[in-house]
């Protein structure tokens, strides 16, 4: 298994959060996703821009909402179909 740096994990989550929000299954605005996850729009924006690190609880909420395992959210780039 390839060990990822913290920076790579944060980048994966950032890309994946944006990808999940924009996919045809959801197509949500940041504000709508924020409401559904009980977060602020600002927090969603900061996570997507990779300007803030999500807590484990935020990763858990995104995992529950999307049905994607937490490990996959953090270690793969979903937009590449990995």
N, C-alpha and C. Protein backbone atom coordinates (compact mmCIF):
# COMPACT_ATOMS: atom_id res chain seq x y z
N UNK A 1 0.84 -1.18 0.00
CA UNK A 1 0.00 0.00 0.00
C UNK A 1 0.89 1.25 0.00
N UNK A 2 0.53 2.19 -0.81
CA UNK A 2 1.27 3.44 -0.92
C UNK A 2 0.82 4.40 0.17
N UNK A 3 1.78 4.86 0.98
CA UNK A 3 1.44 5.79 2.05
C UNK A 3 1.31 7.20 1.50
N UNK A 4 0.23 7.87 1.83
CA UNK A 4 -0.03 9.23 1.36
C UNK A 4 0.36 10.24 2.43
N UNK A 5 0.78 11.40 1.98
CA UNK A 5 1.07 12.49 2.91
C UNK A 5 -0.24 13.16 3.33
N UNK A 6 -0.17 13.94 4.40
CA UNK A 6 -1.36 14.67 4.84
C UNK A 6 -1.86 15.60 3.74
N UNK A 7 -0.94 16.22 3.04
CA UNK A 7 -1.30 17.12 1.94
C UNK A 7 -2.05 16.38 0.84
N UNK A 8 -1.61 15.19 0.50
CA UNK A 8 -2.28 14.39 -0.54
C UNK A 8 -3.68 13.97 -0.08
N UNK A 9 -3.81 13.62 1.17
CA UNK A 9 -5.11 13.22 1.72
C UNK A 9 -6.08 14.40 1.68
N UNK A 10 -5.60 15.57 2.11
CA UNK A 10 -6.46 16.76 2.08
C UNK A 10 -6.86 17.11 0.65
N UNK A 11 -5.92 16.99 -0.28
CA UNK A 11 -6.22 17.28 -1.69
C UNK A 11 -7.26 16.31 -2.23
N UNK A 12 -7.12 15.03 -1.91
CA UNK A 12 -8.11 14.05 -2.36
C UNK A 12 -9.49 14.39 -1.82
N UNK A 13 -9.58 14.70 -0.53
CA UNK A 13 -10.89 15.02 0.04
C UNK A 13 -11.48 16.26 -0.62
N UNK A 14 -10.65 17.26 -0.83
CA UNK A 14 -11.09 18.50 -1.46
C UNK A 14 -11.69 18.22 -2.84
N UNK A 15 -10.95 17.49 -3.66
CA UNK A 15 -11.43 17.15 -5.01
C UNK A 15 -12.69 16.30 -4.95
N UNK A 16 -12.70 15.35 -4.03
CA UNK A 16 -13.84 14.42 -3.95
C UNK A 16 -15.10 15.10 -3.46
N UNK A 17 -14.98 16.03 -2.52
CA UNK A 17 -16.15 16.75 -2.05
C UNK A 17 -16.78 17.54 -3.20
N UNK A 18 -15.94 18.20 -3.96
CA UNK A 18 -16.43 18.96 -5.12
C UNK A 18 -17.04 18.02 -6.16
N UNK A 19 -16.37 16.91 -6.40
CA UNK A 19 -16.86 15.94 -7.39
C UNK A 19 -18.23 15.38 -6.98
N UNK A 20 -18.36 15.00 -5.73
CA UNK A 20 -19.63 14.45 -5.23
C UNK A 20 -20.74 15.49 -5.39
N UNK A 21 -20.46 16.71 -5.01
CA UNK A 21 -21.47 17.77 -5.07
C UNK A 21 -21.91 18.03 -6.50
N UNK A 22 -21.01 17.91 -7.45
CA UNK A 22 -21.30 18.27 -8.84
C UNK A 22 -21.76 17.11 -9.73
N UNK A 23 -21.68 15.89 -9.26
CA UNK A 23 -22.06 14.75 -10.10
C UNK A 23 -23.54 14.80 -10.42
N UNK A 24 -23.90 14.11 -11.48
CA UNK A 24 -25.28 14.13 -11.94
C UNK A 24 -26.24 13.56 -10.90
N UNK A 25 -25.74 12.71 -10.01
CA UNK A 25 -26.60 12.13 -8.97
C UNK A 25 -27.07 13.20 -7.99
N UNK A 26 -26.21 14.18 -7.70
CA UNK A 26 -26.55 15.19 -6.69
C UNK A 26 -26.77 16.57 -7.29
N UNK A 27 -25.80 17.10 -8.00
CA UNK A 27 -25.85 18.46 -8.56
C UNK A 27 -26.37 19.49 -7.56
N UNK A 28 -25.59 19.67 -6.52
CA UNK A 28 -25.98 20.56 -5.44
C UNK A 28 -25.11 21.80 -5.41
N UNK A 29 -25.66 22.89 -4.95
CA UNK A 29 -24.85 24.07 -4.68
C UNK A 29 -24.11 23.83 -3.37
N UNK A 30 -23.09 24.63 -3.13
CA UNK A 30 -22.39 24.52 -1.85
C UNK A 30 -23.34 24.77 -0.69
N UNK A 31 -24.22 25.73 -0.85
CA UNK A 31 -25.17 26.06 0.22
C UNK A 31 -26.11 24.90 0.52
N UNK A 32 -26.59 24.23 -0.51
CA UNK A 32 -27.50 23.10 -0.31
C UNK A 32 -26.78 21.94 0.37
N UNK A 33 -25.58 21.63 -0.11
CA UNK A 33 -24.81 20.56 0.52
C UNK A 33 -24.52 20.91 1.97
N UNK A 34 -24.16 22.15 2.22
CA UNK A 34 -23.88 22.59 3.59
C UNK A 34 -25.10 22.38 4.49
N UNK A 35 -26.28 22.75 4.01
CA UNK A 35 -27.50 22.55 4.81
C UNK A 35 -27.74 21.07 5.10
N UNK A 36 -27.54 20.23 4.08
CA UNK A 36 -27.79 18.80 4.27
C UNK A 36 -26.81 18.15 5.24
N UNK A 37 -25.62 18.71 5.33
CA UNK A 37 -24.61 18.15 6.24
C UNK A 37 -24.52 18.92 7.56
N UNK A 38 -25.37 19.93 7.72
CA UNK A 38 -25.36 20.79 8.91
C UNK A 38 -24.01 21.48 9.08
N UNK A 39 -23.49 22.00 7.98
CA UNK A 39 -22.25 22.77 7.96
C UNK A 39 -22.55 24.16 7.42
N UNK A 40 -21.61 25.04 7.52
CA UNK A 40 -21.79 26.35 6.89
C UNK A 40 -21.33 26.27 5.44
N UNK A 41 -21.89 27.14 4.61
CA UNK A 41 -21.45 27.21 3.21
C UNK A 41 -19.98 27.57 3.15
N UNK A 42 -19.56 28.42 4.07
CA UNK A 42 -18.15 28.81 4.14
C UNK A 42 -17.25 27.59 4.38
N UNK A 43 -17.67 26.70 5.28
CA UNK A 43 -16.87 25.50 5.55
C UNK A 43 -16.76 24.62 4.30
N UNK A 44 -17.87 24.40 3.61
CA UNK A 44 -17.84 23.59 2.39
C UNK A 44 -16.91 24.25 1.37
N UNK A 45 -17.02 25.54 1.23
CA UNK A 45 -16.17 26.27 0.30
C UNK A 45 -14.69 26.12 0.66
N UNK A 46 -14.37 26.23 1.93
CA UNK A 46 -12.98 26.11 2.38
C UNK A 46 -12.45 24.69 2.18
N UNK A 47 -13.28 23.68 2.43
CA UNK A 47 -12.85 22.29 2.21
C UNK A 47 -12.61 22.04 0.72
N UNK A 48 -13.51 22.51 -0.13
CA UNK A 48 -13.35 22.31 -1.57
C UNK A 48 -12.12 23.03 -2.12
N UNK A 49 -11.80 24.18 -1.56
CA UNK A 49 -10.63 24.95 -2.01
C UNK A 49 -9.35 24.45 -1.35
N UNK A 50 -9.45 23.45 -0.49
CA UNK A 50 -8.32 22.88 0.23
C UNK A 50 -7.62 23.94 1.10
N UNK A 51 -8.43 24.82 1.65
CA UNK A 51 -7.91 25.87 2.54
C UNK A 51 -8.18 25.57 4.00
N UNK A 52 -8.90 24.49 4.26
CA UNK A 52 -9.16 24.05 5.63
C UNK A 52 -9.20 22.53 5.64
N UNK A 53 -8.71 21.95 6.70
CA UNK A 53 -8.72 20.50 6.86
C UNK A 53 -10.02 20.07 7.53
N UNK A 54 -10.72 19.10 6.97
CA UNK A 54 -11.96 18.64 7.60
C UNK A 54 -11.66 17.82 8.85
N UNK A 55 -12.56 17.88 9.79
CA UNK A 55 -12.45 17.01 10.96
C UNK A 55 -12.86 15.60 10.55
N UNK A 56 -12.53 14.64 11.39
CA UNK A 56 -12.94 13.26 11.12
C UNK A 56 -14.47 13.18 11.02
N UNK A 57 -15.16 14.00 11.81
CA UNK A 57 -16.62 13.98 11.80
C UNK A 57 -17.17 14.48 10.46
N UNK A 58 -16.54 15.48 9.88
CA UNK A 58 -16.99 15.98 8.58
C UNK A 58 -16.78 14.91 7.51
N UNK A 59 -15.64 14.24 7.55
CA UNK A 59 -15.39 13.15 6.59
C UNK A 59 -16.45 12.07 6.77
N UNK A 60 -16.78 11.77 8.02
CA UNK A 60 -17.81 10.78 8.33
C UNK A 60 -19.17 11.20 7.75
N UNK A 61 -19.54 12.47 7.93
CA UNK A 61 -20.81 12.96 7.40
C UNK A 61 -20.87 12.85 5.87
N UNK A 62 -19.80 13.22 5.21
CA UNK A 62 -19.75 13.14 3.74
C UNK A 62 -19.84 11.68 3.31
N UNK A 63 -19.18 10.80 4.05
CA UNK A 63 -19.24 9.37 3.75
C UNK A 63 -20.66 8.84 3.88
N UNK A 64 -21.33 9.19 4.97
CA UNK A 64 -22.72 8.75 5.16
C UNK A 64 -23.62 9.29 4.05
N UNK A 65 -23.47 10.55 3.73
CA UNK A 65 -24.32 11.20 2.74
C UNK A 65 -24.12 10.59 1.35
N UNK A 66 -22.86 10.34 0.99
CA UNK A 66 -22.55 9.88 -0.37
C UNK A 66 -22.55 8.37 -0.52
N UNK A 67 -22.43 7.66 0.61
CA UNK A 67 -22.34 6.20 0.53
C UNK A 67 -20.95 5.72 0.12
N UNK A 68 -19.98 6.61 0.19
CA UNK A 68 -18.60 6.28 -0.18
C UNK A 68 -17.80 6.11 1.10
N UNK A 69 -17.07 5.00 1.24
CA UNK A 69 -16.29 4.78 2.47
C UNK A 69 -15.31 5.93 2.74
N UNK A 70 -15.11 6.22 4.02
CA UNK A 70 -14.21 7.30 4.42
C UNK A 70 -12.82 7.12 3.83
N UNK A 71 -12.31 5.91 3.88
CA UNK A 71 -10.96 5.66 3.36
C UNK A 71 -10.86 6.04 1.88
N UNK A 72 -11.88 5.69 1.13
CA UNK A 72 -11.87 6.03 -0.30
C UNK A 72 -11.94 7.53 -0.52
N UNK A 73 -12.73 8.24 0.29
CA UNK A 73 -12.82 9.70 0.17
C UNK A 73 -11.45 10.36 0.38
N UNK A 74 -10.63 9.75 1.22
CA UNK A 74 -9.35 10.34 1.58
C UNK A 74 -8.17 9.85 0.73
N UNK A 75 -8.30 8.68 0.11
CA UNK A 75 -7.13 8.09 -0.54
C UNK A 75 -7.22 7.99 -2.06
N UNK A 76 -8.36 8.26 -2.63
CA UNK A 76 -8.48 8.16 -4.09
C UNK A 76 -9.09 9.42 -4.67
N UNK A 77 -8.87 9.62 -5.94
CA UNK A 77 -9.48 10.73 -6.68
C UNK A 77 -10.67 10.13 -7.43
N UNK A 78 -11.86 10.35 -6.93
CA UNK A 78 -13.07 9.74 -7.50
C UNK A 78 -13.31 10.15 -8.95
N UNK A 79 -12.85 11.33 -9.32
CA UNK A 79 -13.08 11.80 -10.69
C UNK A 79 -12.28 10.99 -11.71
N UNK A 80 -11.27 10.27 -11.25
CA UNK A 80 -10.47 9.44 -12.15
C UNK A 80 -10.98 8.01 -12.23
N UNK A 81 -12.07 7.73 -11.52
CA UNK A 81 -12.68 6.40 -11.57
C UNK A 81 -11.84 5.32 -10.93
N UNK A 82 -11.00 5.69 -9.99
CA UNK A 82 -10.14 4.70 -9.31
C UNK A 82 -10.93 3.86 -8.34
